[in-house]
Amino acid sequence: MTIHNHAPLSSTEVGSLWSQYQNDSLAICMLSHFLQTVKDEDVREVVKFALTVAQSNLTQITSILAGSQYPIPKGFTQDDVNLNAPKMFLDTFYLYYLKHMARLGLAAYSLSLSFSARADVRRFYQTCLNSSVEIDQRITTNMLSKGVYIRAPYISPAEKIEFVEDSSYLGSFFGKKRLLNVIEIGNLFTNLQANIIGEALMTAFSQIVSSEAVREYLLRGKEIAAKHASLFATSLRDCDLPAPSPINTMITTSTASPFSDKLILFHVTVMIAAGIGNYGLAMSTSQRMDLTIDYARLLTEIGLYAEDGANLMIANKWLEEPPQAINRTELALSPK
């Protein structure tokens, strides 16, 4: 069966391609500086491969959008990165960062693939998925060999399966809480790791930005991330489960910025958006009532923080508009 690519791009296809262009152009800036400053040869190879993938993705997105007569987004360019700026992080941090971004990429690409119908777009996202799997595999192998991979907590196997006998399993906000189940442990651990990465990034970024307003925003985000990480860690430790520690010690003392304030602020908003999705998933799959209430409360907090970030980008004229639906009313009322 022959499938032609004559059908116009759907709104979901354009939206996912447009968003990925922004993210990959940002990744190219970040990874280019990482590659310039990394010392460990094993880490260098991982960074180099990830950079090559991001560059290839950008070329393919440009071809698909241009072929359908859509304007190419501006995204981020060489003007947003200073390759001569000093090193911001220790080499091990690059692995933690890339591991986190690979996880986000795998989730985003699988969703984009499922929403796409045009053959060339589907092939593109299949390639993206395969590349992300390869990046994740290389990072994981590297981290395991260096002894820096942080595993989720172990639990002892149960002797037999059990069924919930009454509604006390769901618990309440007050009173004694049952022990965490493995799904809840996974959610807490994943969101704890994300906030640890977020706290480290905002700590580093706050050292280098030139805008006072952006610096204040980053410092506020650092406090939010630290608070959320502490809450998740406490929930794990209350069940005698280990929790990973902050990694702020992997940040250098450099105050010279490799990245534009625009790129830094956009990067933070991308991570916030991912955090909102992670919290929503955790809230829907956690069965302990106090956890669902906590996630709902934290969602509200980071939602307001995200709104402030968007307003800050608008105030600086940094927020690039994605393609929009046509205003038919405006066309009808326009002079003929």
C-alpha atoms as a PDB file:
ATOM      1  CA  MET A   1       0.000   0.000   0.000  1.00  0.00           C
ATOM      2  CA  THR A   2       1.371   3.402  -1.001  1.00  0.00           C
ATOM      3  CA  ILE A   3       0.814   6.282   1.428  1.00  0.00           C
ATOM      4  CA  HIS A   4       1.231   9.780   0.049  1.00  0.00           C
ATOM      5  CA  ASN A   5       2.018  12.911   2.037  1.00  0.00           C
ATOM      6  CA  HIS A   6      -0.374  15.169   0.124  1.00  0.00           C
ATOM      7  CA  ALA A   7      -2.750  15.719   3.038  1.00  0.00           C
ATOM      8  CA  PRO A   8      -2.213  19.030   4.850  1.00  0.00           C
ATOM      9  CA  LEU A   9      -0.708  18.899   8.320  1.00  0.00           C
ATOM     10  CA  SER A  10      -3.334  18.681  11.050  1.00  0.00           C
ATOM     11  CA  SER A  11      -3.357  21.146  13.924  1.00  0.00           C
ATOM     12  CA  THR A  12      -1.974  18.517  16.316  1.00  0.00           C
ATOM     13  CA  GLU A  13       0.840  17.695  13.887  1.00  0.00           C
ATOM     14  CA  VAL A  14       1.737  21.360  13.452  1.00  0.00           C
ATOM     15  CA  GLY A  15       1.520  21.940  17.203  1.00  0.00           C
ATOM     16  CA  SER A  16       3.799  19.046  18.108  1.00  0.00           C
ATOM     17  CA  LEU A  17       6.322  19.922  15.384  1.00  0.00           C
ATOM     18  CA  TRP A  18       6.313  23.589  16.389  1.00  0.00           C
ATOM     19  CA  SER A  19       6.847  22.732  20.065  1.00  0.00           C
ATOM     20  CA  GLN A  20       9.610  20.284  19.264  1.00  0.00           C
ATOM     21  CA  TYR A  21      11.387  22.875  17.132  1.00  0.00           C
ATOM     22  CA  GLN A  22      11.492  25.171  20.155  1.00  0.00           C
ATOM     23  CA  ASN A  23      12.750  22.386  22.418  1.00  0.00           C
ATOM     24  CA  ASP A  24      15.352  21.020  20.008  1.00  0.00           C
ATOM     25  CA  SER A  25      16.734  24.465  19.195  1.00  0.00           C
ATOM     26  CA  LEU A  26      17.069  25.034  22.963  1.00  0.00           C
ATOM     27  CA  ALA A  27      18.732  21.637  23.363  1.00  0.00           C
ATOM     28  CA  ILE A  28      21.270  22.469  20.658  1.00  0.00           C
ATOM     29  CA  CYS A  29      22.315  25.596  22.575  1.00  0.00           C
ATOM     30  CA  MET A  30      22.552  23.742  25.896  1.00  0.00           C
ATOM     31  CA  LEU A  31      24.356  20.703  24.508  1.00  0.00           C
ATOM     32  CA  SER A  32      26.771  22.796  22.436  1.00  0.00           C
ATOM     33  CA  HIS A  33      28.001  24.486  25.602  1.00  0.00           C
ATOM     34  CA  PHE A  34      28.098  21.168  27.468  1.00  0.00           C
ATOM     35  CA  LEU A  35      30.215  19.704  24.658  1.00  0.00           C
ATOM     36  CA  GLN A  36      32.544  22.688  24.826  1.00  0.00           C
ATOM     37  CA  THR A  37      33.153  22.273  28.566  1.00  0.00           C
ATOM     38  CA  VAL A  38      32.879  18.532  29.307  1.00  0.00           C
ATOM     39  CA  LYS A  39      36.100  16.772  30.360  1.00  0.00           C
ATOM     40  CA  ASP A  40      35.064  13.133  30.858  1.00  0.00           C
ATOM     41  CA  GLU A  41      35.375  11.325  27.506  1.00  0.00           C
ATOM     42  CA  ASP A  42      32.502   8.919  28.226  1.00  0.00           C
ATOM     43  CA  VAL A  43      30.166  11.789  29.053  1.00  0.00           C
ATOM     44  CA  ARG A  44      31.441  13.694  26.016  1.00  0.00           C
ATOM     45  CA  GLU A  45      30.338  10.878  23.700  1.00  0.00           C
ATOM     46  CA  VAL A  46      26.827  10.891  25.185  1.00  0.00           C
ATOM     47  CA  VAL A  47      26.529  14.687  24.902  1.00  0.00           C
ATOM     48  CA  LYS A  48      27.863  14.602  21.327  1.00  0.00           C
ATOM     49  CA  PHE A  49      25.345  11.940  20.287  1.00  0.00           C
ATOM     50  CA  ALA A  50      22.438  13.836  21.887  1.00  0.00           C
ATOM     51  CA  LEU A  51      23.521  17.027  20.115  1.00  0.00           C
ATOM     52  CA  THR A  52      23.675  15.241  16.752  1.00  0.00           C
ATOM     53  CA  VAL A  53      20.141  13.909  17.293  1.00  0.00           C
ATOM     54  CA  ALA A  54      18.769  17.370  18.168  1.00  0.00           C
ATOM     55  CA  GLN A  55      20.400  18.890  15.068  1.00  0.00           C
ATOM     56  CA  SER A  56      18.963  16.158  12.837  1.00  0.00           C
ATOM     57  CA  ASN A  57      15.510  16.648  14.353  1.00  0.00           C
ATOM     58  CA  LEU A  58      15.624  20.377  13.634  1.00  0.00           C
ATOM     59  CA  THR A  59      16.532  19.754   9.984  1.00  0.00           C
ATOM     60  CA  GLN A  60      13.659  17.307   9.527  1.00  0.00           C
ATOM     61  CA  ILE A  61      11.101  19.557  11.244  1.00  0.00           C
ATOM     62  CA  THR A  62      12.179  22.472   9.052  1.00  0.00           C
ATOM     63  CA  SER A  63      11.694  20.340   5.935  1.00  0.00           C
ATOM     64  CA  ILE A  64       8.219  19.145   6.948  1.00  0.00           C
ATOM     65  CA  LEU A  65       6.953  22.598   7.948  1.00  0.00           C
ATOM     66  CA  ALA A  66       8.427  24.336   4.905  1.00  0.00           C
ATOM     67  CA  GLY A  67       6.982  21.654   2.629  1.00  0.00           C
ATOM     68  CA  SER A  68       3.536  22.517   3.988  1.00  0.00           C
ATOM     69  CA  GLN A  69       4.184  26.272   3.660  1.00  0.00           C
ATOM     70  CA  TYR A  70       4.302  26.951   7.389  1.00  0.00           C
ATOM     71  CA  PRO A  71       6.766  29.580   8.621  1.00  0.00           C
ATOM     72  CA  ILE A  72       9.789  28.182  10.424  1.00  0.00           C
ATOM     73  CA  PRO A  73       9.821  29.142  14.129  1.00  0.00           C
ATOM     74  CA  LYS A  74      12.640  31.326  15.352  1.00  0.00           C
ATOM     75  CA  GLY A  75      13.284  29.213  18.448  1.00  0.00           C
ATOM     76  CA  PHE A  76      16.823  29.616  19.730  1.00  0.00           C
ATOM     77  CA  THR A  77      19.958  30.328  17.742  1.00  0.00           C
ATOM     78  CA  GLN A  78      23.688  30.859  18.200  1.00  0.00           C
ATOM     79  CA  ASP A  79      22.790  34.307  19.544  1.00  0.00           C
ATOM     80  CA  ASP A  80      21.360  32.569  22.634  1.00  0.00           C
ATOM     81  CA  VAL A  81      24.557  30.733  23.586  1.00  0.00           C
ATOM     82  CA  ASN A  82      28.105  31.819  24.388  1.00  0.00           C
ATOM     83  CA  LEU A  83      30.375  28.847  23.821  1.00  0.00           C
ATOM     84  CA  ASN A  84      33.302  30.672  25.420  1.00  0.00           C
ATOM     85  CA  ALA A  85      31.559  31.036  28.787  1.00  0.00           C
ATOM     86  CA  PRO A  86      33.011  28.996  31.686  1.00  0.00           C
ATOM     87  CA  LYS A  87      31.724  25.607  32.777  1.00  0.00           C
ATOM     88  CA  MET A  88      28.507  25.759  34.834  1.00  0.00           C
ATOM     89  CA  PHE A  89      28.213  22.150  36.031  1.00  0.00           C
ATOM     90  CA  LEU A  90      30.386  19.178  36.876  1.00  0.00           C
ATOM     91  CA  ASP A  91      30.386  16.452  34.228  1.00  0.00           C
ATOM     92  CA  THR A  92      28.205  14.104  36.304  1.00  0.00           C
ATOM     93  CA  PHE A  93      25.403  16.676  36.272  1.00  0.00           C
ATOM     94  CA  TYR A  94      25.261  16.456  32.480  1.00  0.00           C
ATOM     95  CA  LEU A  95      24.258  12.800  32.858  1.00  0.00           C
ATOM     96  CA  TYR A  96      21.502  13.583  35.368  1.00  0.00           C
ATOM     97  CA  TYR A  97      20.244  16.390  33.149  1.00  0.00           C
ATOM     98  CA  LEU A  98      20.255  14.288  29.978  1.00  0.00           C
ATOM     99  CA  LYS A  99      18.581  11.374  31.753  1.00  0.00           C
ATOM    100  CA  HIS A 100      15.756  13.656  32.829  1.00  0.00           C
ATOM    101  CA  MET A 101      15.375  15.249  29.382  1.00  0.00           C
ATOM    102  CA  ALA A 102      15.428  11.836  27.673  1.00  0.00           C
ATOM    103  CA  ARG A 103      12.570  10.746  29.932  1.00  0.00           C
ATOM    104  CA  LEU A 104      10.555  13.812  28.925  1.00  0.00           C
ATOM    105  CA  GLY A 105      11.371  13.224  25.261  1.00  0.00           C
ATOM    106  CA  LEU A 106      10.194   9.614  25.313  1.00  0.00           C
ATOM    107  CA  ALA A 107       6.852  10.671  26.784  1.00  0.00           C
ATOM    108  CA  ALA A 108       6.382  13.574  24.340  1.00  0.00           C
ATOM    109  CA  TYR A 109       7.366  11.642  21.199  1.00  0.00           C
ATOM    110  CA  SER A 110       5.100   8.689  21.936  1.00  0.00           C
ATOM    111  CA  LEU A 111       2.162  11.064  22.423  1.00  0.00           C
ATOM    112  CA  SER A 112       2.987  12.989  19.236  1.00  0.00           C
ATOM    113  CA  LEU A 113       3.210   9.745  17.273  1.00  0.00           C
ATOM    114  CA  SER A 114      -0.205   8.626  18.485  1.00  0.00           C
ATOM    115  CA  PHE A 115      -1.733  11.975  17.440  1.00  0.00           C
ATOM    116  CA  SER A 116      -0.160  11.992  13.957  1.00  0.00           C
ATOM    117  CA  ALA A 117      -1.627  10.543  10.758  1.00  0.00           C
ATOM    118  CA  ARG A 118       0.624  11.750   7.930  1.00  0.00           C
ATOM    119  CA  ALA A 119       3.190   9.126   7.019  1.00  0.00           C
ATOM    120  CA  ASP A 120       6.233  11.436   7.018  1.00  0.00           C
ATOM    121  CA  VAL A 121       5.329  12.862  10.432  1.00  0.00           C
ATOM    122  CA  ARG A 122       4.795   9.396  11.884  1.00  0.00           C
ATOM    123  CA  ARG A 123       8.149   8.237  10.489  1.00  0.00           C
ATOM    124  CA  PHE A 124       9.778  11.276  12.006  1.00  0.00           C
ATOM    125  CA  TYR A 125       8.413  10.554  15.480  1.00  0.00           C
ATOM    126  CA  GLN A 126       9.339   6.885  15.192  1.00  0.00           C
ATOM    127  CA  THR A 127      12.899   8.056  14.501  1.00  0.00           C
ATOM    128  CA  CYS A 128      12.703  10.427  17.471  1.00  0.00           C
ATOM    129  CA  LEU A 129      11.547   7.617  19.723  1.00  0.00           C
ATOM    130  CA  ASN A 130      14.322   5.310  18.569  1.00  0.00           C
ATOM    131  CA  SER A 131      16.918   8.030  19.068  1.00  0.00           C
ATOM    132  CA  SER A 132      15.599   8.843  22.547  1.00  0.00           C
ATOM    133  CA  VAL A 133      15.723   5.168  23.512  1.00  0.00           C
ATOM    134  CA  GLU A 134      19.342   5.049  22.335  1.00  0.00           C
ATOM    135  CA  ILE A 135      20.219   8.240  24.254  1.00  0.00           C
ATOM    136  CA  ASP A 136      18.555   6.900  27.394  1.00  0.00           C
ATOM    137  CA  GLN A 137      20.365   3.564  27.009  1.00  0.00           C
ATOM    138  CA  ARG A 138      23.757   5.252  26.636  1.00  0.00           C
ATOM    139  CA  ILE A 139      23.143   7.529  29.612  1.00  0.00           C
ATOM    140  CA  THR A 140      21.930   4.687  31.834  1.00  0.00           C
ATOM    141  CA  THR A 141      24.893   2.484  30.918  1.00  0.00           C
ATOM    142  CA  ASN A 142      27.265   5.375  31.587  1.00  0.00           C
ATOM    143  CA  MET A 143      25.699   6.208  34.949  1.00  0.00           C
ATOM    144  CA  LEU A 144      25.693   2.583  36.070  1.00  0.00           C
ATOM    145  CA  SER A 145      29.352   2.150  35.126  1.00  0.00           C
ATOM    146  CA  LYS A 146      30.284   5.273  37.098  1.00  0.00           C
ATOM    147  CA  GLY A 147      28.147   4.305  40.103  1.00  0.00           C
ATOM    148  CA  VAL A 148      26.025   7.476  39.952  1.00  0.00           C
ATOM    149  CA  TYR A 149      22.706   5.967  38.841  1.00  0.00           C
ATOM    150  CA  ILE A 150      20.080   6.556  41.535  1.00  0.00           C
ATOM    151  CA  ARG A 151      17.670   3.639  41.667  1.00  0.00           C
ATOM    152  CA  ALA A 152      14.140   3.882  42.996  1.00  0.00           C
ATOM    153  CA  PRO A 153      13.643   2.274  46.434  1.00  0.00           C
ATOM    154  CA  TYR A 154      13.452  -1.507  46.678  1.00  0.00           C
ATOM    155  CA  ILE A 155      10.672  -3.321  48.521  1.00  0.00           C
ATOM    156  CA  SER A 156      10.564  -6.965  49.595  1.00  0.00           C
ATOM    157  CA  PRO A 157       8.352  -9.266  47.482  1.00  0.00           C
ATOM    158  CA  ALA A 158       4.990 -10.158  49.010  1.00  0.00           C
ATOM    159  CA  GLU A 159       4.254 -13.796  49.776  1.00  0.00           C
ATOM    160  CA  LYS A 160       0.891 -13.651  47.967  1.00  0.00           C
ATOM    161  CA  ILE A 161      -1.462 -11.248  46.204  1.00  0.00           C
ATOM    162  CA  GLU A 162      -3.919  -9.266  48.302  1.00  0.00           C
ATOM    163  CA  PHE A 163      -7.241  -7.521  47.620  1.00  0.00           C
ATOM    164  CA  VAL A 164      -8.410  -4.318  49.293  1.00  0.00           C
ATOM    165  CA  GLU A 165     -10.947  -5.217  51.971  1.00  0.00           C
ATOM    166  CA  ASP A 166     -12.433  -1.820  52.885  1.00  0.00           C
ATOM    167  CA  SER A 167     -12.281   1.899  52.094  1.00  0.00           C
ATOM    168  CA  SER A 168      -9.750   2.568  54.852  1.00  0.00           C
ATOM    169  CA  TYR A 169      -7.178   1.629  52.182  1.00  0.00           C
ATOM    170  CA  LEU A 170      -7.829   5.023  50.594  1.00  0.00           C
ATOM    171  CA  GLY A 171      -7.080   6.720  53.904  1.00  0.00           C
ATOM    172  CA  SER A 172      -7.887  10.295  54.841  1.00  0.00           C
ATOM    173  CA  PHE A 173      -6.015  13.555  55.172  1.00  0.00           C
ATOM    174  CA  PHE A 174      -5.902  13.158  58.933  1.00  0.00           C
ATOM    175  CA  GLY A 175      -5.098  10.159  61.084  1.00  0.00           C
ATOM    176  CA  LYS A 176      -2.955   7.112  60.454  1.00  0.00           C
ATOM    177  CA  LYS A 177      -1.908   6.484  56.864  1.00  0.00           C
ATOM    178  CA  ARG A 178      -1.246   3.092  55.304  1.00  0.00           C
ATOM    179  CA  LEU A 179       2.152   2.329  53.813  1.00  0.00           C
ATOM    180  CA  LEU A 180       2.841   3.440  50.269  1.00  0.00           C
ATOM    181  CA  ASN A 181       2.199   1.034  47.417  1.00  0.00           C
ATOM    182  CA  VAL A 182       4.694   0.630  44.569  1.00  0.00           C
ATOM    183  CA  ILE A 183       2.782   2.946  42.197  1.00  0.00           C
ATOM    184  CA  GLU A 184       2.776   5.738  44.771  1.00  0.00           C
ATOM    185  CA  ILE A 185       6.458   5.134  45.532  1.00  0.00           C
ATOM    186  CA  GLY A 186       7.255   5.436  41.822  1.00  0.00           C
ATOM    187  CA  ASN A 187       5.317   8.687  41.508  1.00  0.00           C
ATOM    188  CA  LEU A 188       6.977  10.223  44.557  1.00  0.00           C
ATOM    189  CA  PHE A 189      10.443   9.134  43.472  1.00  0.00           C
ATOM    190  CA  THR A 190      10.027  10.399  39.894  1.00  0.00           C
ATOM    191  CA  ASN A 191       8.673  13.773  40.993  1.00  0.00           C
ATOM    192  CA  LEU A 192      11.359  14.072  43.656  1.00  0.00           C
ATOM    193  CA  GLN A 193      14.072  13.519  41.052  1.00  0.00           C
ATOM    194  CA  ALA A 194      12.494  16.082  38.711  1.00  0.00           C
ATOM    195  CA  ASN A 195      12.426  18.707  41.457  1.00  0.00           C
ATOM    196  CA  ILE A 196      16.033  17.968  42.403  1.00  0.00           C
ATOM    197  CA  ILE A 197      17.061  18.630  38.780  1.00  0.00           C
ATOM    198  CA  GLY A 198      14.838  21.721  38.664  1.00  0.00           C
ATOM    199  CA  GLU A 199      16.269  23.118  41.891  1.00  0.00           C
ATOM    200  CA  ALA A 200      19.840  22.663  40.635  1.00  0.00           C
ATOM    201  CA  LEU A 201      19.092  24.293  37.278  1.00  0.00           C
ATOM    202  CA  MET A 202      17.372  27.297  38.819  1.00  0.00           C
ATOM    203  CA  THR A 203      20.181  27.668  41.345  1.00  0.00           C
ATOM    204  CA  ALA A 204      22.745  27.739  38.536  1.00  0.00           C
ATOM    205  CA  PHE A 205      20.657  29.954  36.278  1.00  0.00           C
ATOM    206  CA  SER A 206      20.065  32.465  39.078  1.00  0.00           C
ATOM    207  CA  GLN A 207      23.856  32.930  39.311  1.00  0.00           C
ATOM    208  CA  ILE A 208      24.213  33.983  35.686  1.00  0.00           C
ATOM    209  CA  VAL A 209      21.102  35.848  34.463  1.00  0.00           C
ATOM    210  CA  SER A 210      21.400  39.583  33.869  1.00  0.00           C
ATOM    211  CA  SER A 211      17.734  40.497  34.388  1.00  0.00           C
ATOM    212  CA  GLU A 212      16.833  41.155  38.020  1.00  0.00           C
ATOM    213  CA  ALA A 213      13.198  40.208  37.364  1.00  0.00           C
ATOM    214  CA  VAL A 214      14.233  36.849  35.883  1.00  0.00           C
ATOM    215  CA  ARG A 215      16.631  36.257  38.784  1.00  0.00           C
ATOM    216  CA  GLU A 216      13.856  36.853  41.324  1.00  0.00           C
ATOM    217  CA  TYR A 217      11.618  34.481  39.390  1.00  0.00           C
ATOM    218  CA  LEU A 218      14.308  31.780  39.380  1.00  0.00           C
ATOM    219  CA  LEU A 219      15.007  32.153  43.094  1.00  0.00           C
ATOM    220  CA  ARG A 220      11.286  31.786  43.788  1.00  0.00           C
ATOM    221  CA  GLY A 221      11.241  28.660  41.615  1.00  0.00           C
ATOM    222  CA  LYS A 222      14.253  27.278  43.444  1.00  0.00           C
ATOM    223  CA  GLU A 223      12.364  27.605  46.753  1.00  0.00           C
ATOM    224  CA  ILE A 224       9.278  25.925  45.288  1.00  0.00           C
ATOM    225  CA  ALA A 225      11.312  23.025  43.885  1.00  0.00           C
ATOM    226  CA  ALA A 226      13.164  22.563  47.180  1.00  0.00           C
ATOM    227  CA  LYS A 227       9.885  22.593  49.124  1.00  0.00           C
ATOM    228  CA  HIS A 228       8.227  20.056  46.820  1.00  0.00           C
ATOM    229  CA  ALA A 229      11.313  17.822  46.888  1.00  0.00           C
ATOM    230  CA  SER A 230      11.313  17.922  50.683  1.00  0.00           C
ATOM    231  CA  LEU A 231       7.635  16.948  50.813  1.00  0.00           C
ATOM    232  CA  PHE A 232       8.138  13.969  48.495  1.00  0.00           C
ATOM    233  CA  ALA A 233      11.272  12.877  50.364  1.00  0.00           C
ATOM    234  CA  THR A 234       9.418  13.019  53.692  1.00  0.00           C
ATOM    235  CA  SER A 235       6.631  10.827  52.315  1.00  0.00           C
ATOM    236  CA  LEU A 236       9.203   8.217  51.306  1.00  0.00           C
ATOM    237  CA  ARG A 237      11.163   8.373  54.570  1.00  0.00           C
ATOM    238  CA  ASP A 238       7.961   8.048  56.606  1.00  0.00           C
ATOM    239  CA  CYS A 239       7.778   4.547  55.132  1.00  0.00           C
ATOM    240  CA  ASP A 240      11.489   3.883  55.835  1.00  0.00           C
ATOM    241  CA  LEU A 241      12.333   4.301  52.166  1.00  0.00           C
ATOM    242  CA  PRO A 242      15.471   6.155  51.002  1.00  0.00           C
ATOM    243  CA  ALA A 243      15.253   9.430  49.092  1.00  0.00           C
ATOM    244  CA  PRO A 244      17.921  10.991  46.847  1.00  0.00           C
ATOM    245  CA  SER A 245      19.606  14.189  48.026  1.00  0.00           C
ATOM    246  CA  PRO A 246      19.946  17.563  46.228  1.00  0.00           C
ATOM    247  CA  ILE A 247      22.733  17.877  43.680  1.00  0.00           C
ATOM    248  CA  ASN A 248      23.491  21.592  44.023  1.00  0.00           C
ATOM    249  CA  THR A 249      27.097  20.686  44.835  1.00  0.00           C
ATOM    250  CA  MET A 250      27.504  19.875  41.120  1.00  0.00           C
ATOM    251  CA  ILE A 251      27.189  23.584  40.227  1.00  0.00           C
ATOM    252  CA  THR A 252      30.357  25.622  39.711  1.00  0.00           C
ATOM    253  CA  THR A 253      30.888  29.152  41.040  1.00  0.00           C
ATOM    254  CA  SER A 254      30.793  30.725  37.572  1.00  0.00           C
ATOM    255  CA  THR A 255      28.664  33.862  37.190  1.00  0.00           C
ATOM    256  CA  ALA A 256      29.300  34.315  33.450  1.00  0.00           C
ATOM    257  CA  SER A 257      26.254  33.260  31.451  1.00  0.00           C
ATOM    258  CA  PRO A 258      26.558  30.788  28.564  1.00  0.00           C
ATOM    259  CA  PHE A 259      22.858  31.354  27.724  1.00  0.00           C
ATOM    260  CA  SER A 260      20.520  34.247  27.036  1.00  0.00           C
ATOM    261  CA  ASP A 261      17.959  35.207  29.668  1.00  0.00           C
ATOM    262  CA  LYS A 262      15.285  34.363  27.093  1.00  0.00           C
ATOM    263  CA  LEU A 263      16.567  30.795  26.749  1.00  0.00           C
ATOM    264  CA  ILE A 264      16.874  30.355  30.500  1.00  0.00           C
ATOM    265  CA  LEU A 265      13.340  31.525  31.197  1.00  0.00           C
ATOM    266  CA  PHE A 266      11.904  29.388  28.404  1.00  0.00           C
ATOM    267  CA  HIS A 267      13.783  26.352  29.711  1.00  0.00           C
ATOM    268  CA  VAL A 268      12.224  26.831  33.127  1.00  0.00           C
ATOM    269  CA  THR A 269       8.715  27.102  31.635  1.00  0.00           C
ATOM    270  CA  VAL A 270       9.259  23.845  29.695  1.00  0.00           C
ATOM    271  CA  MET A 271      10.225  22.027  32.887  1.00  0.00           C
ATOM    272  CA  ILE A 272       7.239  23.511  34.722  1.00  0.00           C
ATOM    273  CA  ALA A 273       4.912  22.252  31.992  1.00  0.00           C
ATOM    274  CA  ALA A 274       6.432  18.772  32.314  1.00  0.00           C
ATOM    275  CA  GLY A 275       6.037  18.964  36.097  1.00  0.00           C
ATOM    276  CA  ILE A 276       2.357  19.827  35.767  1.00  0.00           C
ATOM    277  CA  GLY A 277       1.867  16.736  33.600  1.00  0.00           C
ATOM    278  CA  ASN A 278       3.781  14.542  36.053  1.00  0.00           C
ATOM    279  CA  TYR A 279       1.768  15.803  39.022  1.00  0.00           C
ATOM    280  CA  GLY A 280      -1.495  15.242  37.166  1.00  0.00           C
ATOM    281  CA  LEU A 281      -0.503  11.648  36.374  1.00  0.00           C
ATOM    282  CA  ALA A 282       0.591  11.042  39.959  1.00  0.00           C
ATOM    283  CA  MET A 283      -2.651  12.467  41.314  1.00  0.00           C
ATOM    284  CA  SER A 284      -4.731  10.207  39.042  1.00  0.00           C
ATOM    285  CA  THR A 285      -2.817   7.022  39.941  1.00  0.00           C
ATOM    286  CA  SER A 286      -2.217   7.514  43.686  1.00  0.00           C
ATOM    287  CA  GLN A 287      -4.826   5.844  45.870  1.00  0.00           C
ATOM    288  CA  ARG A 288      -3.958   7.443  49.190  1.00  0.00           C
ATOM    289  CA  MET A 289      -6.205  10.457  49.727  1.00  0.00           C
ATOM    290  CA  ASP A 290      -3.542  12.613  51.402  1.00  0.00           C
ATOM    291  CA  LEU A 291      -1.283  12.189  48.375  1.00  0.00           C
ATOM    292  CA  THR A 292      -3.961  13.209  45.868  1.00  0.00           C
ATOM    293  CA  ILE A 293      -4.724  16.288  47.978  1.00  0.00           C
ATOM    294  CA  ASP A 294      -1.017  17.154  48.145  1.00  0.00           C
ATOM    295  CA  TYR A 295      -0.618  16.833  44.367  1.00  0.00           C
ATOM    296  CA  ALA A 296      -3.705  18.998  43.760  1.00  0.00           C
ATOM    297  CA  ARG A 297      -2.334  21.690  46.078  1.00  0.00           C
ATOM    298  CA  LEU A 298       1.128  21.581  44.496  1.00  0.00           C
ATOM    299  CA  LEU A 299      -0.421  21.710  41.013  1.00  0.00           C
ATOM    300  CA  THR A 300      -2.121  24.973  41.923  1.00  0.00           C
ATOM    301  CA  GLU A 301       1.148  26.433  43.172  1.00  0.00           C
ATOM    302  CA  ILE A 302       3.197  25.587  40.092  1.00  0.00           C
ATOM    303  CA  GLY A 303       0.300  26.581  37.831  1.00  0.00           C
ATOM    304  CA  LEU A 304       0.396  30.095  39.267  1.00  0.00           C
ATOM    305  CA  TYR A 305       4.191  30.082  39.009  1.00  0.00           C
ATOM    306  CA  ALA A 306       3.925  29.074  35.335  1.00  0.00           C
ATOM    307  CA  GLU A 307       1.488  31.926  34.673  1.00  0.00           C
ATOM    308  CA  ASP A 308       3.920  34.425  36.186  1.00  0.00           C
ATOM    309  CA  GLY A 309       6.671  33.017  33.970  1.00  0.00           C
ATOM    310  CA  ALA A 310       4.520  33.427  30.847  1.00  0.00           C
ATOM    311  CA  ASN A 311       3.722  37.024  31.818  1.00  0.00           C
ATOM    312  CA  LEU A 312       7.424  37.695  32.320  1.00  0.00           C
ATOM    313  CA  MET A 313       8.190  36.333  28.851  1.00  0.00           C
ATOM    314  CA  ILE A 314       5.414  38.475  27.348  1.00  0.00           C
ATOM    315  CA  ALA A 315       6.705  41.574  29.113  1.00  0.00           C
ATOM    316  CA  ASN A 316      10.132  40.991  27.543  1.00  0.00           C
ATOM    317  CA  LYS A 317       8.624  40.100  24.128  1.00  0.00           C
ATOM    318  CA  TRP A 318      10.236  36.653  24.301  1.00  0.00           C
ATOM    319  CA  LEU A 319       7.106  34.507  23.910  1.00  0.00           C
ATOM    320  CA  GLU A 320       6.854  33.230  20.343  1.00  0.00           C
ATOM    321  CA  GLU A 321       3.293  32.555  19.211  1.00  0.00           C
ATOM    322  CA  PRO A 322       2.439  29.120  17.823  1.00  0.00           C
ATOM    323  CA  PRO A 323       0.239  29.006  14.678  1.00  0.00           C
ATOM    324  CA  GLN A 324      -3.372  29.878  15.459  1.00  0.00           C
ATOM    325  CA  ALA A 325      -6.829  29.198  14.047  1.00  0.00           C
ATOM    326  CA  ILE A 326      -8.115  31.679  11.466  1.00  0.00           C
ATOM    327  CA  ASN A 327     -10.417  34.411  12.802  1.00  0.00           C
ATOM    328  CA  ARG A 328     -13.352  33.989  10.438  1.00  0.00           C
ATOM    329  CA  THR A 329     -15.362  36.787  12.066  1.00  0.00           C
ATOM    330  CA  GLU A 330     -12.523  39.226  11.509  1.00  0.00           C
ATOM    331  CA  LEU A 331     -12.304  38.167   7.857  1.00  0.00           C
ATOM    332  CA  ALA A 332     -16.049  38.603   7.399  1.00  0.00           C
ATOM    333  CA  LEU A 333     -15.981  42.111   8.872  1.00  0.00           C
ATOM    334  CA  SER A 334     -12.856  43.286   7.063  1.00  0.00           C
ATOM    335  CA  PRO A 335     -13.212  45.927   4.309  1.00  0.00           C
ATOM    336  CA  LYS A 336     -13.911  44.402   0.874  1.00  0.00           C
END
